[in-house]
């Protein structure tokens, strides 16, 4: 396994762990964790994963100069996502998690435009949409072109939502985070944060979190993305500086490596685990899923990803 960005790996593990082990596991325990804080942190966690995707696209992809470059990029991204996504989509259908209409729209990623919300897997459709948009952003790119195209796309998304209102609102909510990830990667040499700046950014995160509780309906997109960036930037700085024991580092890298399959498969494992044995209380259900299902999810995801990479001889980084 190739050397990785350890600060990104740590951030990714934190985000995916919160989504699976707090937000989604809550659906199977009468929503014991449900609160405004959990909803806010879920937005932050998903936004961080989107920001990471934009960041790593820049770090692992050269600027497109030709149609051949674009074809090669699309082949890798489709290979990275689509086969495993389709497999899980069909498993969701077989387990009655989604309907036949959701299955068909999900296969073509049309769910982003027809109002079919696919539980959990909507995020994968959104990610693929951002990957396609990245072609326009990265083709013979420079700062001005990147800014203008980003602004134009964001404007068109908002206009569609305000007029036709067929678009999945998550595209608008997380698109700024995707763009922030791209800009951070491209101009990271200008973002060498000092300790004081990092403390300021953490403070900004806490202030925005507090303000969102006071007026949750106002400036939702702006506040959510401020929360995402103000958490991600200082975290990336700190995690890049800390020294980590080799065993812990390896564990973090393996979890990060498996995170895509963890996200895809966790609901399936939860469903199967609870079909085999259903505890009588919510606390017992949580303990059962934490102690039994979560280790299975992590292990299965790691070896599935490893087998998949070996099968296609392709290493997942983004």
Protein backbone atom coordinates (compact mmCIF):
# COMPACT_ATOMS: atom_id res chain seq x y z
CA UNK A 1 0.00 0.00 0.00
CA UNK A 2 1.44 3.35 -1.06
CA UNK A 3 2.44 6.09 1.37
CA UNK A 4 -0.54 8.30 2.15
CA UNK A 5 -1.43 11.71 3.56
CA UNK A 6 -1.66 10.80 7.24
CA UNK A 7 -3.53 13.99 8.21
CA UNK A 8 -6.15 13.16 5.59
CA UNK A 9 -6.35 9.56 6.79
CA UNK A 10 -6.97 10.65 10.38
CA UNK A 11 -9.60 13.19 9.35
CA UNK A 12 -11.32 10.65 7.12
CA UNK A 13 -11.39 8.01 9.89
CA UNK A 14 -12.90 10.51 12.35
CA UNK A 15 -15.58 11.57 9.85
CA UNK A 16 -16.55 8.08 8.69
CA UNK A 17 -16.56 6.78 12.27
CA UNK A 18 -18.96 9.49 13.39
CA UNK A 19 -21.31 8.87 10.47
CA UNK A 20 -21.42 5.10 10.98
CA UNK A 21 -21.03 4.80 14.76
CA UNK A 22 -23.20 7.73 15.83
CA UNK A 23 -25.52 9.01 13.12
CA UNK A 24 -26.43 5.85 11.20
CA UNK A 25 -26.27 3.34 14.02
CA UNK A 26 -28.81 5.57 15.74
CA UNK A 27 -31.44 4.48 13.21
CA UNK A 28 -31.41 1.02 14.78
CA UNK A 29 -31.67 2.21 18.41
CA UNK A 30 -34.72 4.51 18.39
CA UNK A 31 -32.56 7.55 17.55
CA UNK A 32 -31.07 7.81 21.03
CA UNK A 33 -28.35 10.20 19.84
CA UNK A 34 -30.68 12.44 17.85
CA UNK A 35 -30.10 16.14 18.60
CA UNK A 36 -29.27 19.36 16.81
CA UNK A 37 -25.60 18.88 17.74
CA UNK A 38 -25.52 15.43 16.12
CA UNK A 39 -27.20 16.81 12.99
CA UNK A 40 -24.64 19.63 12.82
CA UNK A 41 -21.72 17.25 13.27
CA UNK A 42 -23.16 14.93 10.64
CA UNK A 43 -23.12 17.80 8.15
CA UNK A 44 -19.54 18.56 9.18
CA UNK A 45 -18.47 14.91 8.83
CA UNK A 46 -20.02 14.49 5.38
CA UNK A 47 -18.63 17.85 4.31
CA UNK A 48 -15.16 16.85 5.46
CA UNK A 49 -15.34 13.70 3.33
CA UNK A 50 -16.37 15.85 0.36
CA UNK A 51 -13.58 18.35 1.06
CA UNK A 52 -11.08 15.48 1.28
CA UNK A 53 -12.26 14.18 -2.10
CA UNK A 54 -11.65 17.58 -3.72
CA UNK A 55 -8.29 17.89 -1.99
CA UNK A 56 -7.05 14.46 -3.08
CA UNK A 57 -8.32 14.88 -6.63
CA UNK A 58 -5.91 17.78 -7.02
CA UNK A 59 -3.05 16.01 -5.23
CA UNK A 60 -3.36 12.84 -7.31
CA UNK A 61 -4.47 14.21 -10.70
CA UNK A 62 -2.52 16.37 -13.13
CA UNK A 63 -4.20 19.20 -15.01
CA UNK A 64 -6.10 17.85 -18.03
CA UNK A 65 -4.48 18.86 -21.30
CA UNK A 66 -6.26 16.56 -23.73
CA UNK A 67 -9.29 14.33 -24.26
CA UNK A 68 -7.06 11.34 -23.52
CA UNK A 69 -6.36 12.73 -20.05
CA UNK A 70 -10.09 13.08 -19.40
CA UNK A 71 -10.84 9.55 -20.63
CA UNK A 72 -8.15 8.11 -18.36
CA UNK A 73 -9.49 10.06 -15.40
CA UNK A 74 -13.10 8.99 -16.01
CA UNK A 75 -12.09 5.35 -16.38
CA UNK A 76 -10.33 5.40 -13.01
CA UNK A 77 -13.18 7.18 -11.24
CA UNK A 78 -15.87 4.92 -12.69
CA UNK A 79 -13.78 1.87 -11.80
CA UNK A 80 -13.24 3.29 -8.32
CA UNK A 81 -16.92 3.75 -7.56
CA UNK A 82 -19.39 2.10 -9.88
CA UNK A 83 -18.94 -1.71 -9.59
CA UNK A 84 -19.00 -1.74 -5.77
CA UNK A 85 -21.75 0.87 -5.70
CA UNK A 86 -23.95 -1.20 -8.04
CA UNK A 87 -23.36 -4.33 -5.96
CA UNK A 88 -24.45 -2.55 -2.78
CA UNK A 89 -27.38 -0.90 -4.57
CA UNK A 90 -28.74 -4.34 -5.52
CA UNK A 91 -28.14 -5.64 -1.99
CA UNK A 92 -30.10 -2.66 -0.64
CA UNK A 93 -32.93 -3.60 -2.98
CA UNK A 94 -32.86 -7.28 -1.98
CA UNK A 95 -32.98 -6.28 1.69
CA UNK A 96 -35.93 -3.94 0.95
CA UNK A 97 -33.95 -0.89 2.06
CA UNK A 98 -34.76 0.82 -1.26
CA UNK A 99 -37.56 0.47 -3.82
CA UNK A 100 -37.30 -0.61 -7.46
CA UNK A 101 -37.67 3.03 -8.58
CA UNK A 102 -34.78 4.02 -6.34
CA UNK A 103 -32.73 1.14 -7.71
CA UNK A 104 -33.25 2.18 -11.33
CA UNK A 105 -32.60 5.86 -10.69
CA UNK A 106 -29.56 5.04 -8.57
CA UNK A 107 -28.01 2.92 -11.31
CA UNK A 108 -27.86 6.00 -13.56
CA UNK A 109 -27.29 8.50 -10.73
CA UNK A 110 -30.57 10.03 -11.85
CA UNK A 111 -31.72 10.13 -8.24
CA UNK A 112 -29.92 13.47 -7.92
CA UNK A 113 -32.45 15.04 -10.29
CA UNK A 114 -35.76 13.23 -9.78
CA UNK A 115 -36.30 13.54 -6.04
CA UNK A 116 -35.57 9.85 -5.31
CA UNK A 117 -33.62 9.96 -2.06
CA UNK A 118 -31.57 6.76 -1.71
CA UNK A 119 -30.74 6.07 1.91
CA UNK A 120 -26.97 6.49 2.53
CA UNK A 121 -26.05 5.87 -1.13
CA UNK A 122 -27.18 9.36 -2.19
CA UNK A 123 -23.72 10.45 -1.08
CA UNK A 124 -22.06 8.19 -3.67
CA UNK A 125 -24.23 9.65 -6.43
CA UNK A 126 -23.26 13.14 -5.30
CA UNK A 127 -19.59 12.22 -5.22
CA UNK A 128 -19.74 10.93 -8.79
CA UNK A 129 -21.45 14.15 -9.85
CA UNK A 130 -18.59 16.15 -8.30
CA UNK A 131 -16.05 13.91 -10.02
CA UNK A 132 -17.63 14.75 -13.37
CA UNK A 133 -17.74 18.46 -12.58
CA UNK A 134 -14.03 18.26 -11.74
CA UNK A 135 -13.33 17.72 -15.46
CA UNK A 136 -14.46 21.27 -16.24
CA UNK A 137 -12.63 22.63 -13.19
CA UNK A 138 -9.34 20.89 -14.00
CA UNK A 139 -9.18 21.27 -17.80
CA UNK A 140 -6.28 23.60 -18.57
CA UNK A 141 -6.99 25.13 -15.18
CA UNK A 142 -5.73 28.37 -13.69
CA UNK A 143 -6.89 30.33 -10.67
CA UNK A 144 -9.25 32.69 -12.50
CA UNK A 145 -10.77 29.92 -14.63
CA UNK A 146 -11.25 27.71 -11.57
CA UNK A 147 -12.97 30.49 -9.64
CA UNK A 148 -15.27 31.53 -12.51
CA UNK A 149 -16.33 27.99 -13.43
CA UNK A 150 -16.94 27.11 -9.78
CA UNK A 151 -19.06 30.23 -9.29
CA UNK A 152 -20.98 29.58 -12.52
CA UNK A 153 -21.76 25.96 -11.59
CA UNK A 154 -22.85 26.94 -8.09
CA UNK A 155 -25.07 29.69 -9.52
CA UNK A 156 -26.70 27.24 -11.96
CA UNK A 157 -27.34 24.73 -9.18
CA UNK A 158 -29.07 27.41 -7.09
CA UNK A 159 -31.14 28.66 -10.05
CA UNK A 160 -32.32 25.12 -10.78
CA UNK A 161 -33.28 24.59 -7.14
CA UNK A 162 -35.20 27.87 -7.00
CA UNK A 163 -37.04 27.29 -10.29
CA UNK A 164 -37.51 23.63 -11.23
CA UNK A 165 -36.69 22.35 -7.73
CA UNK A 166 -35.77 18.86 -8.95
CA UNK A 167 -32.20 18.90 -7.77
CA UNK A 168 -31.01 17.13 -4.63
CA UNK A 169 -30.31 19.95 -2.17
CA UNK A 170 -27.20 18.16 -0.91
CA UNK A 171 -25.43 19.09 -4.15
CA UNK A 172 -25.79 22.75 -3.26
CA UNK A 173 -25.02 22.19 0.41
CA UNK A 174 -21.71 20.35 -0.13
CA UNK A 175 -20.47 21.83 -3.41
CA UNK A 176 -18.66 24.70 -1.62
CA UNK A 177 -16.78 22.15 0.53
CA UNK A 178 -15.71 20.29 -2.61
CA UNK A 179 -14.40 23.53 -4.12
CA UNK A 180 -12.67 24.45 -0.84
CA UNK A 181 -10.85 21.11 -0.92
CA UNK A 182 -9.63 21.87 -4.44
CA UNK A 183 -8.43 25.38 -3.53
CA UNK A 184 -6.73 24.17 -0.34
CA UNK A 185 -4.81 21.55 -2.31
CA UNK A 186 -3.83 23.93 -5.10
CA UNK A 187 -2.71 26.71 -2.81
CA UNK A 188 -1.66 24.81 0.31
CA UNK A 189 1.71 26.60 0.29
CA UNK A 190 -0.22 29.78 1.18
CA UNK A 191 -2.02 27.99 4.03
CA UNK A 192 0.86 27.13 6.36
CA UNK A 193 -1.14 27.74 9.50
CA UNK A 194 0.53 28.83 12.69
CA UNK A 195 -0.62 27.67 16.11
CA UNK A 196 -2.40 30.97 16.68
CA UNK A 197 -4.25 30.71 13.37
CA UNK A 198 -5.28 27.16 14.16
CA UNK A 199 -6.68 28.19 17.54
CA UNK A 200 -8.56 30.98 15.77
CA UNK A 201 -10.07 28.55 13.30
CA UNK A 202 -11.16 26.19 16.07
CA UNK A 203 -12.74 29.14 17.84
CA UNK A 204 -14.53 30.08 14.63
CA UNK A 205 -15.92 26.55 14.38
CA UNK A 206 -17.33 26.73 17.90
CA UNK A 207 -18.79 30.21 17.33
CA UNK A 208 -20.49 29.14 14.10
CA UNK A 209 -21.84 26.02 15.81
CA UNK A 210 -23.33 28.21 18.54
CA UNK A 211 -24.81 30.69 16.07
CA UNK A 212 -26.38 27.89 14.07
CA UNK A 213 -28.26 26.77 17.16
CA UNK A 214 -29.57 30.31 17.63
CA UNK A 215 -30.78 30.69 14.05
CA UNK A 216 -30.70 27.30 12.31
CA UNK A 217 -32.82 28.40 9.36
CA UNK A 218 -30.68 31.37 8.32
CA UNK A 219 -27.68 31.13 5.99
CA UNK A 220 -27.64 27.34 6.29
CA UNK A 221 -25.27 26.70 3.42
CA UNK A 222 -22.83 29.40 4.51
CA UNK A 223 -22.78 28.33 8.15
CA UNK A 224 -22.47 24.63 7.38
CA UNK A 225 -19.54 25.16 5.04
CA UNK A 226 -17.87 27.56 7.49
CA UNK A 227 -18.15 24.83 10.10
CA UNK A 228 -16.65 22.26 7.71
CA UNK A 229 -13.68 24.38 6.65
CA UNK A 230 -12.99 25.81 10.10
CA UNK A 231 -12.82 22.28 11.49
CA UNK A 232 -10.90 20.73 8.58
CA UNK A 233 -8.08 23.28 8.24
CA UNK A 234 -6.75 23.26 11.81
CA UNK A 235 -7.26 19.50 12.01
CA UNK A 236 -5.16 18.96 8.89
CA UNK A 237 -2.46 21.17 10.36
CA UNK A 238 -2.35 19.45 13.75
CA UNK A 239 -2.57 15.91 12.39
CA UNK A 240 0.29 16.60 9.98
CA UNK A 241 2.51 17.65 12.91
CA UNK A 242 1.82 15.00 15.53
CA UNK A 243 3.98 11.90 15.85
CA UNK A 244 2.06 8.63 15.78
CA UNK A 245 3.26 5.22 16.86
CA UNK A 246 3.84 2.93 13.86
CA UNK A 247 1.17 0.43 14.95
CA UNK A 248 -1.46 3.14 15.45
CA UNK A 249 -0.46 4.78 12.19
CA UNK A 250 -0.89 1.49 10.33
CA UNK A 251 -4.29 0.98 11.96
CA UNK A 252 -5.44 4.48 10.92
CA UNK A 253 -4.20 3.98 7.36
CA UNK A 254 -5.98 0.64 7.07
CA UNK A 255 -9.26 2.11 8.35
CA UNK A 256 -8.96 5.05 5.98
CA UNK A 257 -8.18 2.67 3.12
CA UNK A 258 -11.31 0.66 3.95
CA UNK A 259 -13.54 3.71 4.54
CA UNK A 260 -15.23 3.66 1.13
CA UNK A 261 -16.37 0.04 1.56
CA UNK A 262 -17.23 0.74 5.20
CA UNK A 263 -19.59 3.47 4.08
CA UNK A 264 -21.12 1.27 1.39
CA UNK A 265 -21.62 -1.85 3.49
CA UNK A 266 -22.38 -0.77 7.06
CA UNK A 267 -26.18 -0.71 6.75
CA UNK A 268 -26.15 -4.16 5.15
CA UNK A 269 -24.11 -5.58 8.04
CA UNK A 270 -26.39 -3.84 10.57
CA UNK A 271 -29.47 -5.32 8.89
CA UNK A 272 -28.02 -8.85 8.77
CA UNK A 273 -26.73 -8.68 12.35
CA UNK A 274 -30.15 -7.63 13.64
CA UNK A 275 -31.87 -10.30 11.53
CA UNK A 276 -29.69 -12.95 13.17
CA UNK A 277 -30.22 -11.57 16.67
CA UNK A 278 -32.39 -8.67 17.83
CA UNK A 279 -31.69 -7.44 21.38
CA UNK A 280 -34.68 -6.44 23.46
CA UNK A 281 -33.53 -2.91 24.39
CA UNK A 282 -31.95 0.03 22.58
CA UNK A 283 -28.87 0.01 24.83
CA UNK A 284 -28.37 -3.70 24.20
CA UNK A 285 -28.81 -3.10 20.46
CA UNK A 286 -26.11 -0.44 20.47
CA UNK A 287 -23.70 -2.63 22.42
CA UNK A 288 -24.39 -5.58 20.12
CA UNK A 289 -23.77 -3.52 16.99
CA UNK A 290 -20.66 -1.86 18.43
CA UNK A 291 -19.08 -5.09 19.66
CA UNK A 292 -20.15 -7.43 16.87
CA UNK A 293 -21.23 -5.56 13.74
CA UNK A 294 -18.63 -2.75 13.71
CA UNK A 295 -15.57 -5.07 13.83
CA UNK A 296 -17.14 -7.15 11.04
CA UNK A 297 -17.76 -4.01 8.97
CA UNK A 298 -14.15 -2.81 9.34
CA UNK A 299 -12.61 -6.21 8.61
CA UNK A 300 -14.89 -7.05 5.71
CA UNK A 301 -14.46 -3.58 4.18
CA UNK A 302 -10.66 -3.76 4.37
CA UNK A 303 -10.39 -7.16 2.71
CA UNK A 304 -13.07 -6.35 0.15
CA UNK A 305 -11.17 -3.23 -0.86
CA UNK A 306 -7.91 -5.15 -0.94
CA UNK A 307 -9.41 -7.88 -3.12
CA UNK A 308 -11.00 -5.27 -5.38
CA UNK A 309 -7.71 -3.43 -5.83
CA UNK A 310 -5.88 -6.65 -6.56
CA UNK A 311 -8.56 -7.68 -9.04
CA UNK A 312 -8.33 -4.43 -10.99
CA UNK A 313 -4.75 -3.59 -10.04
CA UNK A 314 -5.88 -0.15 -8.97
CA UNK A 315 -5.12 1.58 -5.70
CA UNK A 316 -7.86 3.67 -4.14
CA UNK A 317 -6.53 6.98 -2.85
CA UNK A 318 -9.24 9.59 -3.37
